[in-house]
Amino acid sequence: MSLLETIVGASLVMAVGWLLLVGFLWLHRPSRDLAAVGLRLIPDLVRLIRALLADSSTPRSARLALAGLLVYLLSPLDLIPDFVPVIGAVDDLIVAAVVLRWVGRRVGLDDLGRR
């Protein structure tokens, strides 16, 4: 398989995954009240991520995932643009939840609770 075929295949997989995510969020979009409560968590998530990155006992793989998450949360680029009502802002929470769940399994939930 050539490099071009690999790039095209990976791009198609990412595009289909993105469309599935948008479709899922559109069908199961939360109310504005529920989304607003979740969005207030983002500053707390950023503080948690910074604390985990500063801790020397955090595994390297978890640090890389957390650094990527921090860049994603602070970046103006999103999987779903913020101008899409309700679900545009919720994608940050979904990505954060997936990464933190993975990191929680690597670090241990007790260590996450102490931060």
PDB file of N, CA and C in Angstrom:
ATOM      1  N   MET A   1       0.858  -1.170   0.000  1.00  0.00           N
ATOM      2  CA  MET A   1       0.000   0.000   0.000  1.00  0.00           C
ATOM      3  C   MET A   1       0.907   1.237   0.000  1.00  0.00           C
ATOM      4  N   SER A   2       0.612   2.161  -0.878  1.00  0.00           N
ATOM      5  CA  SER A   2       1.443   3.353  -0.978  1.00  0.00           C
ATOM      6  C   SER A   2       1.086   4.360   0.113  1.00  0.00           C
ATOM      7  N   LEU A   3       1.951   5.337   0.265  1.00  0.00           N
ATOM      8  CA  LEU A   3       1.736   6.374   1.267  1.00  0.00           C
ATOM      9  C   LEU A   3       0.471   7.164   0.963  1.00  0.00           C
ATOM     10  N   LEU A   4       0.240   7.451  -0.300  1.00  0.00           N
ATOM     11  CA  LEU A   4      -0.955   8.214  -0.692  1.00  0.00           C
ATOM     12  C   LEU A   4      -2.234   7.446  -0.353  1.00  0.00           C
ATOM     13  N   GLU A   5      -2.251   6.145  -0.621  1.00  0.00           N
ATOM     14  CA  GLU A   5      -3.415   5.329  -0.287  1.00  0.00           C
ATOM     15  C   GLU A   5      -3.652   5.299   1.223  1.00  0.00           C
ATOM     16  N   THR A   6      -2.593   5.238   1.984  1.00  0.00           N
ATOM     17  CA  THR A   6      -2.699   5.241   3.443  1.00  0.00           C
ATOM     18  C   THR A   6      -3.277   6.559   3.939  1.00  0.00           C
ATOM     19  N   ILE A   7      -2.791   7.665   3.394  1.00  0.00           N
ATOM     20  CA  ILE A   7      -3.288   8.982   3.798  1.00  0.00           C
ATOM     21  C   ILE A   7      -4.748   9.146   3.421  1.00  0.00           C
ATOM     22  N   VAL A   8      -5.116   8.736   2.226  1.00  0.00           N
ATOM     23  CA  VAL A   8      -6.512   8.842   1.793  1.00  0.00           C
ATOM     24  C   VAL A   8      -7.403   7.959   2.654  1.00  0.00           C
ATOM     25  N   GLY A   9      -6.964   6.747   2.938  1.00  0.00           N
ATOM     26  CA  GLY A   9      -7.742   5.844   3.783  1.00  0.00           C
ATOM     27  C   GLY A   9      -7.928   6.389   5.192  1.00  0.00           C
ATOM     28  N   ALA A  10      -6.854   6.912   5.769  1.00  0.00           N
ATOM     29  CA  ALA A  10      -6.945   7.485   7.114  1.00  0.00           C
ATOM     30  C   ALA A  10      -7.859   8.700   7.120  1.00  0.00           C
ATOM     31  N   SER A  11      -7.785   9.503   6.076  1.00  0.00           N
ATOM     32  CA  SER A  11      -8.661  10.680   5.985  1.00  0.00           C
ATOM     33  C   SER A  11     -10.123  10.271   5.888  1.00  0.00           C
ATOM     34  N   LEU A  12     -10.405   9.241   5.122  1.00  0.00           N
ATOM     35  CA  LEU A  12     -11.788   8.762   5.013  1.00  0.00           C
ATOM     36  C   LEU A  12     -12.302   8.223   6.338  1.00  0.00           C
ATOM     37  N   VAL A  13     -11.472   7.477   7.039  1.00  0.00           N
ATOM     38  CA  VAL A  13     -11.876   6.949   8.338  1.00  0.00           C
ATOM     39  C   VAL A  13     -12.157   8.089   9.312  1.00  0.00           C
ATOM     40  N   MET A  14     -11.293   9.103   9.318  1.00  0.00           N
ATOM     41  CA  MET A  14     -11.512  10.245  10.207  1.00  0.00           C
ATOM     42  C   MET A  14     -12.779  11.004   9.832  1.00  0.00           C
ATOM     43  N   ALA A  15     -13.037  11.180   8.538  1.00  0.00           N
ATOM     44  CA  ALA A  15     -14.234  11.897   8.100  1.00  0.00           C
ATOM     45  C   ALA A  15     -15.500  11.138   8.487  1.00  0.00           C
ATOM     46  N   VAL A  16     -15.490   9.829   8.309  1.00  0.00           N
ATOM     47  CA  VAL A  16     -16.660   9.025   8.679  1.00  0.00           C
ATOM     48  C   VAL A  16     -16.858   9.052  10.195  1.00  0.00           C
ATOM     49  N   GLY A  17     -15.775   8.956  10.950  1.00  0.00           N
ATOM     50  CA  GLY A  17     -15.882   9.038  12.405  1.00  0.00           C
ATOM     51  C   GLY A  17     -16.426  10.378  12.860  1.00  0.00           C
ATOM     52  N   TRP A  18     -15.969  11.447  12.226  1.00  0.00           N
ATOM     53  CA  TRP A  18     -16.458  12.783  12.573  1.00  0.00           C
ATOM     54  C   TRP A  18     -17.945  12.895  12.260  1.00  0.00           C
ATOM     55  N   LEU A  19     -18.362  12.405  11.097  1.00  0.00           N
ATOM     56  CA  LEU A  19     -19.786  12.459  10.736  1.00  0.00           C
ATOM     57  C   LEU A  19     -20.642  11.643  11.705  1.00  0.00           C
ATOM     58  N   LEU A  20     -20.142  10.493  12.122  1.00  0.00           N
ATOM     59  CA  LEU A  20     -20.883   9.690  13.104  1.00  0.00           C
ATOM     60  C   LEU A  20     -21.006  10.430  14.438  1.00  0.00           C
ATOM     61  N   LEU A  21     -19.935  11.075  14.875  1.00  0.00           N
ATOM     62  CA  LEU A  21     -19.974  11.843  16.115  1.00  0.00           C
ATOM     63  C   LEU A  21     -20.979  12.987  16.011  1.00  0.00           C
ATOM     64  N   VAL A  22     -20.938  13.725  14.917  1.00  0.00           N
ATOM     65  CA  VAL A  22     -21.888  14.826  14.732  1.00  0.00           C
ATOM     66  C   VAL A  22     -23.316  14.304  14.714  1.00  0.00           C
ATOM     67  N   GLY A  23     -23.549  13.208  14.007  1.00  0.00           N
ATOM     68  CA  GLY A  23     -24.890  12.634  13.965  1.00  0.00           C
ATOM     69  C   GLY A  23     -25.374  12.184  15.329  1.00  0.00           C
ATOM     70  N   PHE A  24     -24.504  11.526  16.082  1.00  0.00           N
ATOM     71  CA  PHE A  24     -24.863  11.080  17.426  1.00  0.00           C
ATOM     72  C   PHE A  24     -25.197  12.265  18.317  1.00  0.00           C
ATOM     73  N   LEU A  25     -24.350  13.282  18.274  1.00  0.00           N
ATOM     74  CA  LEU A  25     -24.604  14.460  19.104  1.00  0.00           C
ATOM     75  C   LEU A  25     -25.865  15.196  18.676  1.00  0.00           C
ATOM     76  N   TRP A  26     -26.135  15.219  17.391  1.00  0.00           N
ATOM     77  CA  TRP A  26     -27.342  15.895  16.921  1.00  0.00           C
ATOM     78  C   TRP A  26     -28.600  15.158  17.391  1.00  0.00           C
ATOM     79  N   LEU A  27     -28.566  13.846  17.351  1.00  0.00           N
ATOM     80  CA  LEU A  27     -29.726  13.063  17.785  1.00  0.00           C
ATOM     81  C   LEU A  27     -29.917  13.098  19.297  1.00  0.00           C
ATOM     82  N   HIS A  28     -28.835  13.152  20.036  1.00  0.00           N
ATOM     83  CA  HIS A  28     -28.893  13.088  21.497  1.00  0.00           C
ATOM     84  C   HIS A  28     -28.407  14.383  22.144  1.00  0.00           C
ATOM     85  N   ARG A  29     -28.661  15.488  21.484  1.00  0.00           N
ATOM     86  CA  ARG A  29     -28.156  16.763  22.002  1.00  0.00           C
ATOM     87  C   ARG A  29     -28.803  17.103  23.340  1.00  0.00           C
ATOM     88  N   PRO A  30     -27.984  17.583  24.249  1.00  0.00           N
ATOM     89  CA  PRO A  30     -28.506  17.938  25.571  1.00  0.00           C
ATOM     90  C   PRO A  30     -29.214  19.284  25.527  1.00  0.00           C
ATOM     91  N   SER A  31     -30.009  19.544  26.526  1.00  0.00           N
ATOM     92  CA  SER A  31     -30.662  20.846  26.623  1.00  0.00           C
ATOM     93  C   SER A  31     -29.616  21.900  26.960  1.00  0.00           C
ATOM     94  N   ARG A  32     -29.962  23.153  26.765  1.00  0.00           N
ATOM     95  CA  ARG A  32     -29.021  24.234  27.079  1.00  0.00           C
ATOM     96  C   ARG A  32     -28.667  24.237  28.569  1.00  0.00           C
ATOM     97  N   ASP A  33     -29.628  23.933  29.420  1.00  0.00           N
ATOM     98  CA  ASP A  33     -29.365  23.925  30.860  1.00  0.00           C
ATOM     99  C   ASP A  33     -28.339  22.857  31.232  1.00  0.00           C
ATOM    100  N   LEU A  34     -28.497  21.678  30.676  1.00  0.00           N
ATOM    101  CA  LEU A  34     -27.569  20.584  30.956  1.00  0.00           C
ATOM    102  C   LEU A  34     -26.189  20.877  30.378  1.00  0.00           C
ATOM    103  N   ALA A  35     -26.141  21.427  29.178  1.00  0.00           N
ATOM    104  CA  ALA A  35     -24.862  21.743  28.547  1.00  0.00           C
ATOM    105  C   ALA A  35     -24.148  22.854  29.308  1.00  0.00           C
ATOM    106  N   ALA A  36     -24.883  23.827  29.818  1.00  0.00           N
ATOM    107  CA  ALA A  36     -24.259  24.943  30.543  1.00  0.00           C
ATOM    108  C   ALA A  36     -23.561  24.450  31.807  1.00  0.00           C
ATOM    109  N   VAL A  37     -24.172  23.509  32.500  1.00  0.00           N
ATOM    110  CA  VAL A  37     -23.548  22.950  33.703  1.00  0.00           C
ATOM    111  C   VAL A  37     -22.243  22.244  33.328  1.00  0.00           C
ATOM    112  N   GLY A  38     -22.280  21.510  32.245  1.00  0.00           N
ATOM    113  CA  GLY A  38     -21.075  20.808  31.806  1.00  0.00           C
ATOM    114  C   GLY A  38     -19.971  21.748  31.368  1.00  0.00           C
ATOM    115  N   LEU A  39     -20.340  22.828  30.699  1.00  0.00           N
ATOM    116  CA  LEU A  39     -19.334  23.772  30.217  1.00  0.00           C
ATOM    117  C   LEU A  39     -18.632  24.497  31.353  1.00  0.00           C
ATOM    118  N   ARG A  40     -19.290  24.640  32.487  1.00  0.00           N
ATOM    119  CA  ARG A  40     -18.644  25.264  33.641  1.00  0.00           C
ATOM    120  C   ARG A  40     -17.532  24.382  34.220  1.00  0.00           C
ATOM    121  N   LEU A  41     -17.471  23.131  33.791  1.00  0.00           N
ATOM    122  CA  LEU A  41     -16.425  22.222  34.262  1.00  0.00           C
ATOM    123  C   LEU A  41     -15.094  22.447  33.562  1.00  0.00           C
ATOM    124  N   ILE A  42     -15.097  23.093  32.402  1.00  0.00           N
ATOM    125  CA  ILE A  42     -13.876  23.196  31.609  1.00  0.00           C
ATOM    126  C   ILE A  42     -12.733  23.873  32.371  1.00  0.00           C
ATOM    127  N   PRO A  43     -12.941  25.004  33.072  1.00  0.00           N
ATOM    128  CA  PRO A  43     -11.814  25.564  33.838  1.00  0.00           C
ATOM    129  C   PRO A  43     -11.272  24.596  34.902  1.00  0.00           C
ATOM    130  N   ASP A  44     -12.150  23.837  35.540  1.00  0.00           N
ATOM    131  CA  ASP A  44     -11.702  22.847  36.522  1.00  0.00           C
ATOM    132  C   ASP A  44     -10.908  21.730  35.840  1.00  0.00           C
ATOM    133  N   LEU A  45     -11.331  21.334  34.642  1.00  0.00           N
ATOM    134  CA  LEU A  45     -10.603  20.310  33.903  1.00  0.00           C
ATOM    135  C   LEU A  45      -9.194  20.791  33.557  1.00  0.00           C
ATOM    136  N   VAL A  46      -9.077  22.037  33.152  1.00  0.00           N
ATOM    137  CA  VAL A  46      -7.762  22.583  32.814  1.00  0.00           C
ATOM    138  C   VAL A  46      -6.855  22.571  34.042  1.00  0.00           C
ATOM    139  N   ARG A  47      -7.386  22.945  35.209  1.00  0.00           N
ATOM    140  CA  ARG A  47      -6.580  22.911  36.439  1.00  0.00           C
ATOM    141  C   ARG A  47      -6.172  21.477  36.792  1.00  0.00           C
ATOM    142  N   LEU A  48      -7.080  20.519  36.636  1.00  0.00           N
ATOM    143  CA  LEU A  48      -6.764  19.115  36.912  1.00  0.00           C
ATOM    144  C   LEU A  48      -5.670  18.617  35.982  1.00  0.00           C
ATOM    145  N   ILE A  49      -5.776  18.956  34.724  1.00  0.00           N
ATOM    146  CA  ILE A  49      -4.782  18.516  33.740  1.00  0.00           C
ATOM    147  C   ILE A  49      -3.412  19.101  34.069  1.00  0.00           C
ATOM    148  N   ARG A  50      -3.373  20.375  34.412  1.00  0.00           N
ATOM    149  CA  ARG A  50      -2.095  21.006  34.770  1.00  0.00           C
ATOM    150  C   ARG A  50      -1.493  20.350  36.014  1.00  0.00           C
ATOM    151  N   ALA A  51      -2.318  20.007  36.997  1.00  0.00           N
ATOM    152  CA  ALA A  51      -1.815  19.348  38.209  1.00  0.00           C
ATOM    153  C   ALA A  51      -1.259  17.963  37.886  1.00  0.00           C
ATOM    154  N   LEU A  52      -1.939  17.217  37.017  1.00  0.00           N
ATOM    155  CA  LEU A  52      -1.454  15.891  36.643  1.00  0.00           C
ATOM    156  C   LEU A  52      -0.165  15.979  35.835  1.00  0.00           C
ATOM    157  N   LEU A  53      -0.056  16.991  34.987  1.00  0.00           N
ATOM    158  CA  LEU A  53       1.168  17.163  34.210  1.00  0.00           C
ATOM    159  C   LEU A  53       2.352  17.521  35.103  1.00  0.00           C
ATOM    160  N   ALA A  54       2.098  18.268  36.160  1.00  0.00           N
ATOM    161  CA  ALA A  54       3.172  18.679  37.065  1.00  0.00           C
ATOM    162  C   ALA A  54       3.604  17.558  38.004  1.00  0.00           C
ATOM    163  N   ASP A  55       2.757  16.559  38.201  1.00  0.00           N
ATOM    164  CA  ASP A  55       3.069  15.463  39.120  1.00  0.00           C
ATOM    165  C   ASP A  55       4.051  14.494  38.461  1.00  0.00           C
ATOM    166  N   SER A  56       5.151  14.239  39.118  1.00  0.00           N
ATOM    167  CA  SER A  56       6.183  13.360  38.546  1.00  0.00           C
ATOM    168  C   SER A  56       5.768  11.889  38.542  1.00  0.00           C
ATOM    169  N   SER A  57       4.756  11.522  39.312  1.00  0.00           N
ATOM    170  CA  SER A  57       4.340  10.115  39.346  1.00  0.00           C
ATOM    171  C   SER A  57       3.374   9.769  38.202  1.00  0.00           C
ATOM    172  N   THR A  58       2.938  10.744  37.427  1.00  0.00           N
ATOM    173  CA  THR A  58       2.055  10.486  36.290  1.00  0.00           C
ATOM    174  C   THR A  58       2.862   9.811  35.187  1.00  0.00           C
ATOM    175  N   PRO A  59       2.383   8.674  34.662  1.00  0.00           N
ATOM    176  CA  PRO A  59       3.121   7.985  33.592  1.00  0.00           C
ATOM    177  C   PRO A  59       3.282   8.879  32.350  1.00  0.00           C
ATOM    178  N   ARG A  60       4.341   8.623  31.600  1.00  0.00           N
ATOM    179  CA  ARG A  60       4.648   9.428  30.409  1.00  0.00           C
ATOM    180  C   ARG A  60       3.525   9.383  29.379  1.00  0.00           C
ATOM    181  N   SER A  61       2.941   8.207  29.152  1.00  0.00           N
ATOM    182  CA  SER A  61       1.860   8.103  28.168  1.00  0.00           C
ATOM    183  C   SER A  61       0.654   8.941  28.595  1.00  0.00           C
ATOM    184  N   ALA A  62       0.373   8.948  29.890  1.00  0.00           N
ATOM    185  CA  ALA A  62      -0.732   9.761  30.392  1.00  0.00           C
ATOM    186  C   ALA A  62      -0.408  11.245  30.253  1.00  0.00           C
ATOM    187  N   ARG A  63       0.835  11.611  30.473  1.00  0.00           N
ATOM    188  CA  ARG A  63       1.233  13.012  30.316  1.00  0.00           C
ATOM    189  C   ARG A  63       1.068  13.470  28.869  1.00  0.00           C
ATOM    190  N   LEU A  64       1.451  12.611  27.931  1.00  0.00           N
ATOM    191  CA  LEU A  64       1.290  12.970  26.519  1.00  0.00           C
ATOM    192  C   LEU A  64      -0.183  13.152  26.165  1.00  0.00           C
ATOM    193  N   ALA A  65      -1.028  12.244  26.646  1.00  0.00           N
ATOM    194  CA  ALA A  65      -2.458  12.362  26.378  1.00  0.00           C
ATOM    195  C   ALA A  65      -3.026  13.628  27.015  1.00  0.00           C
ATOM    196  N   LEU A  66      -2.608  13.940  28.216  1.00  0.00           N
ATOM    197  CA  LEU A  66      -3.088  15.138  28.904  1.00  0.00           C
ATOM    198  C   LEU A  66      -2.592  16.411  28.233  1.00  0.00           C
ATOM    199  N   ALA A  67      -1.354  16.408  27.769  1.00  0.00           N
ATOM    200  CA  ALA A  67      -0.838  17.577  27.063  1.00  0.00           C
ATOM    201  C   ALA A  67      -1.623  17.804  25.778  1.00  0.00           C
ATOM    202  N   GLY A  68      -1.924  16.720  25.069  1.00  0.00           N
ATOM    203  CA  GLY A  68      -2.743  16.838  23.866  1.00  0.00           C
ATOM    204  C   GLY A  68      -4.138  17.355  24.178  1.00  0.00           C
ATOM    205  N   LEU A  69      -4.709  16.879  25.275  1.00  0.00           N
ATOM    206  CA  LEU A  69      -6.033  17.352  25.686  1.00  0.00           C
ATOM    207  C   LEU A  69      -5.998  18.824  26.053  1.00  0.00           C
ATOM    208  N   LEU A  70      -4.979  19.244  26.765  1.00  0.00           N
ATOM    209  CA  LEU A  70      -4.858  20.652  27.145  1.00  0.00           C
ATOM    210  C   LEU A  70      -4.745  21.538  25.910  1.00  0.00           C
ATOM    211  N   VAL A  71      -3.949  21.115  24.940  1.00  0.00           N
ATOM    212  CA  VAL A  71      -3.828  21.866  23.689  1.00  0.00           C
ATOM    213  C   VAL A  71      -5.180  21.919  22.986  1.00  0.00           C
ATOM    214  N   TYR A  72      -5.896  20.790  22.967  1.00  0.00           N
ATOM    215  CA  TYR A  72      -7.199  20.745  22.309  1.00  0.00           C
ATOM    216  C   TYR A  72      -8.203  21.674  23.000  1.00  0.00           C
ATOM    217  N   LEU A  73      -8.224  21.663  24.325  1.00  0.00           N
ATOM    218  CA  LEU A  73      -9.169  22.509  25.052  1.00  0.00           C
ATOM    219  C   LEU A  73      -8.870  23.990  24.865  1.00  0.00           C
ATOM    220  N   LEU A  74      -7.607  24.348  24.774  1.00  0.00           N
ATOM    221  CA  LEU A  74      -7.229  25.751  24.635  1.00  0.00           C
ATOM    222  C   LEU A  74      -7.210  26.209  23.177  1.00  0.00           C
ATOM    223  N   SER A  75      -7.244  25.275  22.254  1.00  0.00           N
ATOM    224  CA  SER A  75      -7.185  25.593  20.830  1.00  0.00           C
ATOM    225  C   SER A  75      -8.539  26.109  20.333  1.00  0.00           C
ATOM    226  N   PRO A  76      -8.519  27.043  19.394  1.00  0.00           N
ATOM    227  CA  PRO A  76      -9.782  27.516  18.820  1.00  0.00           C
ATOM    228  C   PRO A  76     -10.381  26.519  17.819  1.00  0.00           C
ATOM    229  N   LEU A  77      -9.624  25.512  17.410  1.00  0.00           N
ATOM    230  CA  LEU A  77     -10.121  24.505  16.473  1.00  0.00           C
ATOM    231  C   LEU A  77     -10.809  23.384  17.239  1.00  0.00           C
ATOM    232  N   ASP A  78     -11.974  22.979  16.778  1.00  0.00           N
ATOM    233  CA  ASP A  78     -12.756  21.930  17.426  1.00  0.00           C
ATOM    234  C   ASP A  78     -13.207  20.907  16.406  1.00  0.00           C
ATOM    235  N   LEU A  79     -13.609  19.737  16.902  1.00  0.00           N
ATOM    236  CA  LEU A  79     -14.194  18.735  16.013  1.00  0.00           C
ATOM    237  C   LEU A  79     -15.505  19.236  15.414  1.00  0.00           C
ATOM    238  N   ILE A  80     -16.283  19.888  16.229  1.00  0.00           N
ATOM    239  CA  ILE A  80     -17.550  20.483  15.796  1.00  0.00           C
ATOM    240  C   ILE A  80     -17.456  21.967  16.103  1.00  0.00           C
ATOM    241  N   PRO A  81     -17.604  22.824  15.100  1.00  0.00           N
ATOM    242  CA  PRO A  81     -17.454  24.268  15.342  1.00  0.00           C
ATOM    243  C   PRO A  81     -18.413  24.773  16.409  1.00  0.00           C
ATOM    244  N   ASP A  82     -17.953  25.759  17.166  1.00  0.00           N
ATOM    245  CA  ASP A  82     -18.740  26.282  18.282  1.00  0.00           C
ATOM    246  C   ASP A  82     -20.004  27.009  17.845  1.00  0.00           C
ATOM    247  N   PHE A  83     -20.106  27.403  16.595  1.00  0.00           N
ATOM    248  CA  PHE A  83     -21.312  28.102  16.160  1.00  0.00           C
ATOM    249  C   PHE A  83     -22.496  27.165  15.967  1.00  0.00           C
ATOM    250  N   VAL A  84     -22.268  25.842  15.989  1.00  0.00           N
ATOM    251  CA  VAL A  84     -23.370  24.879  15.934  1.00  0.00           C
ATOM    252  C   VAL A  84     -24.032  24.893  17.305  1.00  0.00           C
ATOM    253  N   PRO A  85     -25.330  25.179  17.376  1.00  0.00           N
ATOM    254  CA  PRO A  85     -25.984  25.320  18.688  1.00  0.00           C
ATOM    255  C   PRO A  85     -25.829  24.081  19.570  1.00  0.00           C
ATOM    256  N   VAL A  86     -25.552  24.297  20.804  1.00  0.00           N
ATOM    257  CA  VAL A  86     -25.425  23.332  21.889  1.00  0.00           C
ATOM    258  C   VAL A  86     -24.319  22.304  21.652  1.00  0.00           C
ATOM    259  N   ILE A  87     -24.400  21.521  20.591  1.00  0.00           N
ATOM    260  CA  ILE A  87     -23.417  20.448  20.415  1.00  0.00           C
ATOM    261  C   ILE A  87     -22.050  20.973  20.017  1.00  0.00           C
ATOM    262  N   GLY A  88     -21.959  22.217  19.550  1.00  0.00           N
ATOM    263  CA  GLY A  88     -20.666  22.780  19.190  1.00  0.00           C
ATOM    264  C   GLY A  88     -19.753  22.932  20.388  1.00  0.00           C
ATOM    265  N   ALA A  89     -20.316  23.215  21.522  1.00  0.00           N
ATOM    266  CA  ALA A  89     -19.508  23.393  22.726  1.00  0.00           C
ATOM    267  C   ALA A  89     -19.349  22.088  23.518  1.00  0.00           C
ATOM    268  N   VAL A  90     -20.200  21.141  23.294  1.00  0.00           N
ATOM    269  CA  VAL A  90     -20.178  19.905  24.069  1.00  0.00           C
ATOM    270  C   VAL A  90     -19.056  18.968  23.623  1.00  0.00           C
ATOM    271  N   ASP A  91     -18.551  19.141  22.400  1.00  0.00           N
ATOM    272  CA  ASP A  91     -17.515  18.227  21.934  1.00  0.00           C
ATOM    273  C   ASP A  91     -16.252  18.317  22.793  1.00  0.00           C
ATOM    274  N   ASP A  92     -15.962  19.497  23.356  1.00  0.00           N
ATOM    275  CA  ASP A  92     -14.820  19.624  24.264  1.00  0.00           C
ATOM    276  C   ASP A  92     -14.987  18.713  25.474  1.00  0.00           C
ATOM    277  N   LEU A  93     -16.188  18.666  26.003  1.00  0.00           N
ATOM    278  CA  LEU A  93     -16.451  17.818  27.173  1.00  0.00           C
ATOM    279  C   LEU A  93     -16.336  16.340  26.836  1.00  0.00           C
ATOM    280  N   ILE A  94     -16.772  15.960  25.650  1.00  0.00           N
ATOM    281  CA  ILE A  94     -16.710  14.557  25.259  1.00  0.00           C
ATOM    282  C   ILE A  94     -15.266  14.112  25.102  1.00  0.00           C
ATOM    283  N   VAL A  95     -14.458  14.921  24.412  1.00  0.00           N
ATOM    284  CA  VAL A  95     -13.044  14.583  24.240  1.00  0.00           C
ATOM    285  C   VAL A  95     -12.354  14.537  25.601  1.00  0.00           C
ATOM    286  N   ALA A  96     -12.653  15.504  26.468  1.00  0.00           N
ATOM    287  CA  ALA A  96     -12.048  15.527  27.800  1.00  0.00           C
ATOM    288  C   ALA A  96     -12.449  14.291  28.599  1.00  0.00           C
ATOM    289  N   ALA A  97     -13.705  13.897  28.515  1.00  0.00           N
ATOM    290  CA  ALA A  97     -14.167  12.724  29.264  1.00  0.00           C
ATOM    291  C   ALA A  97     -13.458  11.457  28.794  1.00  0.00           C
ATOM    292  N   VAL A  98     -13.295  11.299  27.487  1.00  0.00           N
ATOM    293  CA  VAL A  98     -12.638  10.101  26.961  1.00  0.00           C
ATOM    294  C   VAL A  98     -11.175  10.052  27.400  1.00  0.00           C
ATOM    295  N   VAL A  99     -10.468  11.171  27.274  1.00  0.00           N
ATOM    296  CA  VAL A  99      -9.047  11.194  27.651  1.00  0.00           C
ATOM    297  C   VAL A  99      -8.892  11.009  29.157  1.00  0.00           C
ATOM    298  N   LEU A 100      -9.707  11.698  29.953  1.00  0.00           N
ATOM    299  CA  LEU A 100      -9.582  11.568  31.408  1.00  0.00           C
ATOM    300  C   LEU A 100      -9.968  10.173  31.890  1.00  0.00           C
ATOM    301  N   ARG A 101     -10.882   9.536  31.227  1.00  0.00           N
ATOM    302  CA  ARG A 101     -11.219   8.158  31.604  1.00  0.00           C
ATOM    303  C   ARG A 101     -10.021   7.240  31.365  1.00  0.00           C
ATOM    304  N   TRP A 102      -9.367   7.424  30.210  1.00  0.00           N
ATOM    305  CA  TRP A 102      -8.191   6.621  29.906  1.00  0.00           C
ATOM    306  C   TRP A 102      -7.068   6.915  30.901  1.00  0.00           C
ATOM    307  N   VAL A 103      -6.840   8.192  31.174  1.00  0.00           N
ATOM    308  CA  VAL A 103      -5.787   8.573  32.129  1.00  0.00           C
ATOM    309  C   VAL A 103      -6.132   8.066  33.529  1.00  0.00           C
ATOM    310  N   GLY A 104      -7.403   8.131  33.900  1.00  0.00           N
ATOM    311  CA  GLY A 104      -7.829   7.636  35.204  1.00  0.00           C
ATOM    312  C   GLY A 104      -7.521   6.165  35.386  1.00  0.00           C
ATOM    313  N   ARG A 105      -7.642   5.406  34.322  1.00  0.00           N
ATOM    314  CA  ARG A 105      -7.304   3.980  34.407  1.00  0.00           C
ATOM    315  C   ARG A 105      -5.801   3.768  34.533  1.00  0.00           C
ATOM    316  N   ARG A 106      -5.025   4.650  33.899  1.00  0.00           N
ATOM    317  CA  ARG A 106      -3.565   4.528  33.967  1.00  0.00           C
ATOM    318  C   ARG A 106      -3.021   5.004  35.317  1.00  0.00           C
ATOM    319  N   VAL A 107      -3.566   6.114  35.812  1.00  0.00           N
ATOM    320  CA  VAL A 107      -3.055   6.743  37.032  1.00  0.00           C
ATOM    321  C   VAL A 107      -3.716   6.148  38.263  1.00  0.00           C
ATOM    322  N   GLY A 108      -4.980   5.870  38.182  1.00  0.00           N
ATOM    323  CA  GLY A 108      -5.742   5.387  39.322  1.00  0.00           C
ATOM    324  C   GLY A 108      -6.714   6.483  39.780  1.00  0.00           C
ATOM    325  N   LEU A 109      -7.920   6.094  40.046  1.00  0.00           N
ATOM    326  CA  LEU A 109      -8.957   7.071  40.399  1.00  0.00           C
ATOM    327  C   LEU A 109      -8.662   7.752  41.734  1.00  0.00           C
ATOM    328  N   ASP A 110      -7.986   7.046  42.640  1.00  0.00           N
ATOM    329  CA  ASP A 110      -7.641   7.673  43.932  1.00  0.00           C
ATOM    330  C   ASP A 110      -6.696   8.853  43.720  1.00  0.00           C
ATOM    331  N   ASP A 111      -5.734   8.698  42.793  1.00  0.00           N
ATOM    332  CA  ASP A 111      -4.804   9.794  42.522  1.00  0.00           C
ATOM    333  C   ASP A 111      -5.509  10.960  41.853  1.00  0.00           C
ATOM    334  N   LEU A 112      -6.486  10.680  41.005  1.00  0.00           N
ATOM    335  CA  LEU A 112      -7.245  11.768  40.370  1.00  0.00           C
ATOM    336  C   LEU A 112      -8.058  12.539  41.403  1.00  0.00           C
ATOM    337  N   GLY A 113      -8.597  11.846  42.375  1.00  0.00           N
ATOM    338  CA  GLY A 113      -9.432  12.488  43.387  1.00  0.00           C
ATOM    339  C   GLY A 113      -8.664  13.419  44.302  1.00  0.00           C
ATOM    340  N   ARG A 114      -7.367  13.165  44.463  1.00  0.00           N
ATOM    341  CA  ARG A 114      -6.557  14.011  45.341  1.00  0.00           C
ATOM    342  C   ARG A 114      -6.176  15.328  44.688  1.00  0.00           C
ATOM    343  N   ARG A 115      -6.373  15.479  43.426  1.00  0.00           N
ATOM    344  CA  ARG A 115      -5.948  16.694  42.724  1.00  0.00           C
ATOM    345  C   ARG A 115      -7.003  17.718  42.816  1.00  0.00           C
TER     346      ARG A 115
END
